Amino acid sequence: MNLTTDLKNSLVASSGIQDQQITAQFCFPGDLDLFTGHFPGNPVLPGIVQVEMVKFAVELAHGNPFWIRSVKKTKFARLIHPDSPIHLSIRLAPSDDSLAVTATLKTEGQIAGKINLILQKKTVPV
């Protein structure tokens, strides 16, 4: 499988955009390839998957693809293990040509991470 398929299959719920906010929930089963080697005997969700999870939730709510223009800041505060529900709270700040995204990830009722991105809408050449 690929990451996009894993994200789609691991999505439990997602809201649309309401007051420039999105909520989503994911749960990644332990048999996914993304846990292979990260780490043997103690699998954890890789940080890049957490970043892509935020982008995916924004794309789903917007109905448009985005690319990551920059990762402004990330803080991974808690390990996320397979089969753990992950709750995302995403705040959006649109500008002329980009979208500032601030996301908080929670698992087991505690903050697991904070991710700040700048997303750029993908354009299709005419």
Protein backbone atom coordinates (compact mmCIF):
# COMPACT_ATOMS: atom_id res chain seq x y z
CA MET A 1 0.00 0.00 0.00
CA ASN A 2 0.99 3.64 -0.15
CA LEU A 3 0.68 6.47 2.34
CA THR A 4 -2.41 8.02 0.73
CA THR A 5 -4.22 4.68 0.85
CA ASP A 6 -3.14 4.15 4.48
CA LEU A 7 -4.46 7.62 5.38
CA LYS A 8 -7.80 7.00 3.64
CA ASN A 9 -8.22 3.61 5.28
CA SER A 10 -7.23 4.92 8.73
CA LEU A 11 -9.60 7.91 8.69
CA VAL A 12 -12.40 7.34 11.20
CA ALA A 13 -14.20 10.70 10.98
CA SER A 14 -13.72 14.18 9.57
CA SER A 15 -15.68 17.41 9.71
CA GLY A 16 -15.97 20.01 7.05
CA ILE A 17 -14.61 23.49 7.63
CA GLN A 18 -16.56 25.40 10.29
CA ASP A 19 -15.31 28.81 11.43
CA GLN A 20 -11.91 28.07 9.86
CA GLN A 21 -11.58 24.87 11.92
CA ILE A 22 -11.51 21.18 11.05
CA THR A 23 -11.67 18.13 13.28
CA ALA A 24 -10.70 14.61 12.28
CA GLN A 25 -10.01 11.26 13.85
CA PHE A 26 -7.61 8.58 12.62
CA CYS A 27 -6.63 5.13 13.87
CA PHE A 28 -3.72 3.32 12.18
CA PRO A 29 -3.75 -0.50 12.45
CA GLY A 30 -0.50 -2.10 13.52
CA ASP A 31 -0.15 -4.23 10.39
CA LEU A 32 0.58 -1.22 8.13
CA ASP A 33 3.97 -1.10 6.42
CA LEU A 34 4.58 2.40 7.81
CA PHE A 35 5.28 0.82 11.23
CA THR A 36 7.89 -1.57 9.81
CA GLY A 37 11.26 -0.60 11.23
CA HIS A 38 9.80 2.29 13.24
CA PHE A 39 10.63 0.72 15.74
CA PRO A 40 10.98 -3.07 16.00
CA GLY A 41 9.29 -4.30 19.17
CA ASN A 42 7.85 -0.84 19.94
CA PRO A 43 6.07 0.49 16.83
CA VAL A 44 5.24 4.20 16.78
CA LEU A 45 3.61 6.43 14.18
CA PRO A 46 6.38 8.26 12.27
CA GLY A 47 6.40 12.06 12.51
CA ILE A 48 6.17 12.49 8.75
CA VAL A 49 2.93 10.46 8.77
CA GLN A 50 1.56 12.81 11.42
CA VAL A 51 2.40 15.80 9.22
CA GLU A 52 0.82 14.13 6.16
CA MET A 53 -2.25 13.25 8.25
CA VAL A 54 -2.84 16.96 8.92
CA LYS A 55 -2.40 17.84 5.22
CA PHE A 56 -4.75 15.01 4.23
CA ALA A 57 -7.49 16.24 6.61
CA VAL A 58 -7.19 19.77 5.17
CA GLU A 59 -7.34 18.46 1.59
CA LEU A 60 -10.42 16.38 2.41
CA ALA A 61 -12.23 19.34 3.99
CA HIS A 62 -11.26 21.72 1.17
CA GLY A 63 -11.83 19.26 -1.65
CA ASN A 64 -8.53 20.36 -3.20
CA PRO A 65 -4.98 19.00 -3.20
CA PHE A 66 -2.24 20.97 -1.43
CA TRP A 67 1.51 20.75 -1.23
CA ILE A 68 3.51 21.59 1.88
CA ARG A 69 5.28 24.89 1.28
CA SER A 70 6.91 24.83 4.71
CA VAL A 71 6.78 23.16 8.07
CA LYS A 72 6.99 26.12 10.45
CA LYS A 73 7.17 24.19 13.70
CA THR A 74 6.51 20.70 14.99
CA LYS A 75 6.55 19.31 18.49
CA PHE A 76 6.00 15.62 19.06
CA ALA A 77 5.16 15.32 22.75
CA ARG A 78 3.90 11.75 23.03
CA LEU A 79 4.46 8.52 21.15
CA ILE A 80 1.49 7.34 19.11
CA HIS A 81 1.22 3.58 18.97
CA PRO A 82 -0.75 1.44 16.47
CA ASP A 83 -4.49 1.14 17.04
CA SER A 84 -4.59 4.32 19.16
CA PRO A 85 -7.32 6.81 18.22
CA ILE A 86 -5.81 10.15 17.17
CA HIS A 87 -7.94 13.28 17.42
CA LEU A 88 -6.96 16.27 15.28
CA SER A 89 -8.02 19.86 15.89
CA ILE A 90 -6.98 22.05 12.98
CA ARG A 91 -7.18 25.83 12.76
CA LEU A 92 -6.85 27.53 9.36
CA ALA A 93 -5.66 31.02 8.50
CA PRO A 94 -6.06 31.63 4.76
CA SER A 95 -4.03 34.27 2.95
CA ASP A 96 -3.89 35.31 -0.71
CA ASP A 97 -1.84 32.39 -1.98
CA SER A 98 -1.49 29.98 0.94
CA LEU A 99 -3.07 28.49 4.02
CA ALA A 100 -1.48 28.61 7.48
CA VAL A 101 -2.41 25.48 9.42
CA THR A 102 -2.09 24.95 13.16
CA ALA A 103 -2.89 21.42 14.30
CA THR A 104 -3.06 19.74 17.68
CA LEU A 105 -2.95 15.95 17.87
CA LYS A 106 -4.33 14.16 20.93
CA THR A 107 -4.29 10.52 21.90
CA GLU A 108 -5.45 8.92 25.14
CA GLY A 109 -6.76 12.35 26.19
CA GLN A 110 -3.32 13.95 26.10
CA ILE A 111 -1.57 16.17 23.58
CA ALA A 112 0.62 14.04 21.34
CA GLY A 113 1.88 16.84 19.12
CA LYS A 114 1.50 20.24 17.56
CA ILE A 115 2.17 20.92 13.89
CA ASN A 116 2.28 24.28 12.11
CA LEU A 117 2.35 24.19 8.30
CA ILE A 118 2.03 26.52 5.38
CA LEU A 119 0.08 24.78 2.60
CA GLN A 120 -0.12 25.90 -1.00
CA LYS A 121 -3.04 24.88 -3.18
CA LYS A 122 -1.94 22.79 -6.15
CA THR A 123 -2.80 24.39 -9.43
CA VAL A 124 -3.56 22.56 -12.63
CA PRO A 125 -1.90 24.01 -15.72
CA VAL A 126 -4.37 25.28 -18.34
